[in-house]
N, C-alpha and C. Protein backbone atom coordinates (compact mmCIF):
# COMPACT_ATOMS: atom_id res chain seq x y z
N MET A 1 -14.60 13.74 -6.27
CA MET A 1 -13.39 13.77 -5.37
C MET A 1 -12.41 14.94 -5.90
N ALA A 2 -12.03 15.69 -5.11
CA ALA A 2 -11.18 16.73 -5.40
C ALA A 2 -9.61 16.37 -5.44
N GLN A 3 -8.90 17.29 -5.99
CA GLN A 3 -7.44 16.85 -5.99
C GLN A 3 -6.76 18.26 -5.75
N VAL A 4 -5.62 18.18 -4.90
CA VAL A 4 -4.75 19.41 -4.71
C VAL A 4 -3.31 19.01 -4.82
N THR A 5 -2.67 19.99 -5.29
CA THR A 5 -1.08 19.88 -5.25
C THR A 5 -0.51 20.52 -4.03
N ILE A 6 0.16 19.78 -3.25
CA ILE A 6 0.91 20.22 -2.19
C ILE A 6 2.32 20.29 -2.26
N SER A 7 3.04 21.02 -1.50
CA SER A 7 4.49 21.13 -1.85
C SER A 7 5.04 20.95 -0.40
N ILE A 8 6.00 19.89 -0.38
CA ILE A 8 6.81 19.67 0.96
C ILE A 8 8.31 19.61 0.51
N ASN A 9 9.17 20.55 1.03
CA ASN A 9 10.53 20.56 0.88
C ASN A 9 10.80 20.78 -0.69
N SER A 10 9.93 21.68 -1.14
CA SER A 10 10.03 21.85 -2.51
C SER A 10 9.74 20.76 -3.67
N ARG A 11 9.10 19.75 -3.28
CA ARG A 11 8.56 18.76 -3.90
C ARG A 11 7.15 18.77 -4.05
N GLU A 12 6.55 18.54 -5.17
CA GLU A 12 5.04 18.64 -5.23
C GLU A 12 4.52 17.28 -5.31
N TYR A 13 3.24 17.23 -4.70
CA TYR A 13 2.60 15.78 -4.53
C TYR A 13 1.18 16.11 -4.98
N ALA A 14 0.58 15.24 -5.97
CA ALA A 14 -1.00 15.43 -6.02
C ALA A 14 -1.66 14.50 -5.04
N ILE A 15 -2.71 15.22 -4.38
CA ILE A 15 -3.28 14.59 -3.19
C ILE A 15 -4.82 14.69 -3.58
N ALA A 16 -5.53 13.40 -3.43
CA ALA A 16 -6.91 13.34 -3.63
C ALA A 16 -7.61 13.64 -2.31
N CYS A 17 -8.72 14.26 -2.25
CA CYS A 17 -9.33 14.53 -1.14
C CYS A 17 -10.95 14.88 -1.34
N GLU A 18 -11.64 14.71 -0.21
CA GLU A 18 -13.12 15.00 -0.69
C GLU A 18 -13.23 16.45 -0.94
N ASP A 19 -14.32 16.58 -1.69
CA ASP A 19 -14.71 17.94 -2.13
C ASP A 19 -14.98 18.75 -0.88
N GLY A 20 -14.37 20.01 -0.98
CA GLY A 20 -14.48 20.95 0.20
C GLY A 20 -13.28 20.85 1.25
N GLN A 21 -12.40 19.90 0.99
CA GLN A 21 -11.26 19.70 2.01
C GLN A 21 -10.12 20.15 1.64
N GLU A 22 -10.06 20.85 0.31
CA GLU A 22 -8.85 21.24 -0.23
C GLU A 22 -8.07 22.21 0.53
N SER A 23 -8.67 23.24 1.22
CA SER A 23 -7.92 24.15 1.92
C SER A 23 -7.46 23.69 3.18
N ARG A 24 -8.17 22.61 3.93
CA ARG A 24 -7.60 21.88 5.02
C ARG A 24 -6.37 21.09 4.72
N ILE A 25 -6.33 20.33 3.60
CA ILE A 25 -5.20 19.66 3.09
C ILE A 25 -4.03 20.60 2.98
N LEU A 26 -4.25 21.76 2.30
CA LEU A 26 -3.19 22.75 2.05
C LEU A 26 -2.64 23.19 3.31
N GLN A 27 -3.44 23.41 4.36
CA GLN A 27 -2.89 24.01 5.84
C GLN A 27 -2.02 22.83 6.39
N LEU A 28 -2.62 21.68 6.37
CA LEU A 28 -1.76 20.39 6.88
C LEU A 28 -0.46 20.29 6.10
N ALA A 29 -0.46 20.51 4.85
CA ALA A 29 0.83 20.39 4.00
C ALA A 29 1.74 21.45 4.40
N GLN A 30 1.25 22.74 4.78
CA GLN A 30 2.08 23.80 5.16
C GLN A 30 2.87 23.42 6.35
N ILE A 31 2.07 22.79 7.34
CA ILE A 31 2.79 22.21 8.55
C ILE A 31 3.91 21.38 8.20
N LEU A 32 3.71 20.38 7.47
CA LEU A 32 4.59 19.42 6.94
C LEU A 32 5.82 20.29 6.27
N ASP A 33 5.64 21.00 5.43
CA ASP A 33 6.69 21.95 4.77
C ASP A 33 7.53 22.60 5.83
N GLU A 34 6.68 23.17 6.87
CA GLU A 34 7.54 24.01 7.82
C GLU A 34 8.48 23.03 8.76
N LYS A 35 7.97 21.84 8.96
CA LYS A 35 8.82 20.84 9.62
C LYS A 35 9.98 20.44 8.83
N ALA A 36 9.72 20.27 7.46
CA ALA A 36 10.61 19.77 6.65
C ALA A 36 11.92 20.87 6.54
N ARG A 37 11.51 22.15 6.52
CA ARG A 37 12.51 23.13 6.43
C ARG A 37 13.17 23.38 7.71
N LEU A 38 12.50 23.10 8.81
CA LEU A 38 13.23 23.03 10.04
C LEU A 38 14.40 21.97 10.05
N LEU A 39 14.03 20.77 9.49
CA LEU A 39 14.96 19.72 9.59
C LEU A 39 16.01 19.87 8.56
N THR A 40 15.73 20.38 7.45
CA THR A 40 16.84 20.48 6.52
C THR A 40 17.67 21.81 6.42
N ASP A 41 17.25 22.87 7.32
CA ASP A 41 17.92 23.99 7.27
C ASP A 41 19.41 23.85 7.85
N GLY A 42 20.32 24.10 6.96
CA GLY A 42 21.76 23.93 7.41
C GLY A 42 22.32 22.64 7.40
N THR A 43 21.63 21.59 7.04
CA THR A 43 22.19 20.16 6.87
C THR A 43 22.46 19.84 5.50
N SER A 44 23.24 18.69 5.38
CA SER A 44 23.50 18.25 4.08
C SER A 44 22.06 17.65 3.54
N GLN A 45 22.18 17.22 2.29
CA GLN A 45 20.86 16.72 1.60
C GLN A 45 20.48 15.49 2.43
N ILE A 46 19.21 15.45 2.81
CA ILE A 46 18.60 14.23 3.26
C ILE A 46 17.67 13.56 2.23
N SER A 47 17.59 12.23 2.32
CA SER A 47 16.77 11.59 1.20
C SER A 47 15.33 11.76 1.64
N GLU A 48 14.50 11.81 0.67
CA GLU A 48 13.03 12.08 0.82
C GLU A 48 12.45 11.01 1.93
N SER A 49 12.79 9.88 1.69
CA SER A 49 12.21 8.89 2.77
C SER A 49 12.63 9.23 4.19
N MET A 50 14.16 9.55 4.28
CA MET A 50 14.48 10.03 5.70
C MET A 50 13.81 11.14 6.32
N LEU A 51 13.57 12.23 5.39
CA LEU A 51 12.99 13.37 5.80
C LEU A 51 11.43 13.02 6.15
N LEU A 52 10.83 12.28 5.40
CA LEU A 52 9.33 12.04 5.74
C LEU A 52 9.47 11.34 7.05
N ALA A 53 10.26 10.43 7.30
CA ALA A 53 10.50 9.57 8.52
C ALA A 53 10.53 10.52 9.67
N MET A 54 11.41 11.45 9.62
CA MET A 54 11.86 12.48 10.53
C MET A 54 10.66 13.19 10.99
N ILE A 55 9.92 13.78 9.93
CA ILE A 55 8.86 14.80 10.08
C ILE A 55 7.71 13.87 10.96
N GLY A 56 7.72 12.51 10.49
CA GLY A 56 6.64 11.66 11.24
C GLY A 56 7.07 11.52 12.64
N LEU A 57 8.18 11.45 13.12
CA LEU A 57 8.78 11.28 14.27
C LEU A 57 8.52 12.41 15.11
N LEU A 58 8.67 13.74 14.61
CA LEU A 58 8.36 14.88 15.11
C LEU A 58 6.85 14.95 15.58
N LEU A 59 6.12 14.74 14.50
CA LEU A 59 4.52 14.71 14.72
C LEU A 59 4.12 13.77 15.90
N ALA A 60 4.76 12.46 15.73
CA ALA A 60 4.40 11.52 16.77
C ALA A 60 4.85 11.92 18.21
N ASP A 61 5.85 12.54 18.30
CA ASP A 61 6.35 13.20 19.75
C ASP A 61 5.52 14.17 20.13
N GLU A 62 4.95 15.10 19.20
CA GLU A 62 4.14 16.20 19.58
C GLU A 62 2.88 15.39 20.15
N LEU A 63 2.25 14.54 19.40
CA LEU A 63 1.04 13.98 19.78
C LEU A 63 1.13 13.18 21.12
N SER A 64 2.36 12.63 21.37
CA SER A 64 2.57 11.88 22.58
C SER A 64 2.48 12.84 23.77
N GLU A 65 3.19 13.87 23.48
CA GLU A 65 3.31 14.99 24.59
C GLU A 65 2.03 15.47 24.96
N LEU A 66 1.09 15.65 24.02
CA LEU A 66 -0.16 16.22 24.03
C LEU A 66 -1.11 15.25 24.85
N LYS A 67 -0.85 13.78 24.55
CA LYS A 67 -1.63 12.82 25.31
C LYS A 67 -1.16 12.70 26.53
N LYS A 68 0.14 13.03 27.11
CA LYS A 68 0.60 13.03 28.47
C LYS A 68 -0.09 14.14 29.31
N GLY A 69 -0.96 14.98 28.73
CA GLY A 69 -1.61 16.03 29.42
C GLY A 69 -1.18 17.32 29.11
N LYS A 70 -0.31 17.75 28.11
CA LYS A 70 0.10 19.02 27.79
C LYS A 70 -1.05 19.39 26.79
N ARG A 71 -2.41 19.66 27.24
CA ARG A 71 -3.46 20.11 26.41
C ARG A 71 -4.07 21.23 27.05
N LEU A 72 -4.98 21.87 26.38
CA LEU A 72 -5.88 22.87 27.07
C LEU A 72 -6.59 22.33 28.16
N PRO A 73 -6.70 22.89 29.31
CA PRO A 73 -7.53 22.36 30.56
C PRO A 73 -8.99 22.39 30.11
N GLU A 74 -9.69 21.55 30.59
CA GLU A 74 -10.99 21.26 30.23
C GLU A 74 -11.91 22.84 30.42
N SER A 75 -11.57 23.43 31.31
CA SER A 75 -12.39 24.71 31.71
C SER A 75 -11.85 25.87 30.78
N SER A 76 -10.78 25.77 30.00
CA SER A 76 -10.26 26.76 29.13
C SER A 76 -11.16 27.00 27.80
N SER A 77 -11.32 28.07 27.40
CA SER A 77 -12.01 28.38 26.25
C SER A 77 -10.98 28.51 25.11
N PRO A 78 -11.32 27.74 23.87
CA PRO A 78 -10.35 27.70 22.76
C PRO A 78 -9.98 29.15 22.38
N THR A 79 -10.69 30.16 22.81
CA THR A 79 -10.44 31.59 22.34
C THR A 79 -9.41 32.20 23.44
N ASP A 80 -9.27 31.54 24.45
CA ASP A 80 -8.32 32.13 25.54
C ASP A 80 -7.08 32.42 24.93
N LEU A 81 -6.74 33.65 24.34
CA LEU A 81 -5.52 33.90 23.64
C LEU A 81 -4.18 33.64 24.33
N LYS A 82 -4.19 34.19 25.61
CA LYS A 82 -3.03 34.08 26.37
C LYS A 82 -2.65 32.52 26.61
N ASN A 83 -3.65 31.68 27.01
CA ASN A 83 -3.30 30.27 27.05
C ASN A 83 -2.79 29.73 25.86
N LEU A 84 -3.40 29.95 24.66
CA LEU A 84 -3.02 29.56 23.40
C LEU A 84 -1.59 29.98 23.04
N GLN A 85 -1.22 31.18 23.38
CA GLN A 85 0.09 31.76 23.14
C GLN A 85 1.09 31.11 23.96
N GLN A 86 0.89 30.69 25.20
CA GLN A 86 1.65 30.02 25.99
C GLN A 86 1.92 28.53 25.38
N ILE A 87 0.88 27.80 25.21
CA ILE A 87 0.96 26.61 24.55
C ILE A 87 1.69 26.71 23.26
N ASP A 88 1.56 27.53 22.53
CA ASP A 88 2.16 27.79 21.17
C ASP A 88 3.80 27.93 21.49
N ALA A 89 4.04 28.74 22.29
CA ALA A 89 5.43 29.04 22.68
C ALA A 89 6.17 27.70 23.33
N GLU A 90 5.48 26.98 24.01
CA GLU A 90 5.90 25.65 24.63
C GLU A 90 6.19 24.74 23.42
N LEU A 91 5.14 24.60 22.54
CA LEU A 91 5.25 23.67 21.47
C LEU A 91 6.49 24.02 20.45
N ALA A 92 6.65 25.37 20.30
CA ALA A 92 7.71 25.80 19.48
C ALA A 92 8.97 25.37 20.03
N ALA A 93 9.14 25.66 21.32
CA ALA A 93 10.36 25.03 21.98
C ALA A 93 10.59 23.51 21.79
N VAL A 94 9.67 22.86 22.05
CA VAL A 94 9.76 21.24 21.85
C VAL A 94 9.98 21.10 20.48
N ILE A 95 9.54 21.66 19.46
CA ILE A 95 9.77 21.41 18.11
C ILE A 95 11.17 21.71 17.78
N LYS A 96 11.68 23.01 18.24
CA LYS A 96 12.98 23.27 18.02
C LYS A 96 14.08 22.47 18.51
N ASN A 97 13.69 21.84 19.86
CA ASN A 97 14.63 21.00 20.39
C ASN A 97 14.62 19.78 19.62
N LEU A 98 13.49 19.24 19.26
CA LEU A 98 13.37 17.95 18.28
C LEU A 98 14.25 18.13 17.07
N GLY A 99 13.96 19.27 16.53
CA GLY A 99 14.62 19.61 15.19
C GLY A 99 16.34 19.55 15.36
N ASP A 100 16.68 20.12 16.45
CA ASP A 100 18.14 20.12 16.75
C ASP A 100 18.64 18.66 16.90
N ARG A 101 17.82 17.94 17.70
CA ARG A 101 18.19 16.47 18.03
C ARG A 101 18.17 15.65 16.75
N LEU A 102 17.24 15.97 15.73
CA LEU A 102 17.15 15.23 14.66
C LEU A 102 18.22 15.55 13.63
N LYS A 103 18.68 16.81 13.59
CA LYS A 103 19.81 17.30 12.75
C LYS A 103 21.12 16.48 13.10
N VAL A 104 21.27 16.37 14.65
CA VAL A 104 22.44 15.55 15.00
C VAL A 104 22.40 14.18 14.50
N LEU A 105 21.14 13.45 14.63
CA LEU A 105 20.95 12.20 14.11
C LEU A 105 21.21 12.14 12.70
N ALA A 106 20.82 13.08 11.92
CA ALA A 106 21.02 13.03 10.46
C ALA A 106 22.43 13.18 10.26
N LYS A 107 23.09 13.93 10.77
CA LYS A 107 24.66 14.07 10.54
C LYS A 107 25.32 12.64 10.86
N ASP A 108 24.89 12.15 12.12
CA ASP A 108 25.45 10.68 12.47
C ASP A 108 25.00 9.71 11.36
N ILE A 109 23.82 9.72 10.73
CA ILE A 109 23.46 8.64 9.79
C ILE A 109 24.42 8.93 8.61
N ASN A 110 24.61 10.15 8.04
CA ASN A 110 25.46 10.55 7.11
C ASN A 110 26.95 10.03 7.27
N LEU A 111 27.29 10.01 8.51
CA LEU A 111 28.71 9.53 8.71
C LEU A 111 28.77 8.03 8.63
N LEU A 112 27.67 7.26 8.62
CA LEU A 112 27.80 5.72 8.73
C LEU A 112 28.33 5.30 7.41
């Protein structure tokens, strides 16, 4: 069993994984770190547990949207660059919108 150290929001975590999966775990951690930066950019300090919950909500929303049919059409090739760029742009807009909404929620929570 292999072990890698990932970094999310400048905090390091030791993660065990199957041998050969180290680079995939690092790629996934990079996605989480990007979402953490999106959520914490310009806001006051958010607790680690709140941040991880918010990241989870972002990912759950993305998954929900994909399950609603916002995925590659069956006839599309994964190498169809134009289609992938369009989907990437749409997902980026969704993520930005969610990030903005979560920042507002985080501010409201801090006011309680």
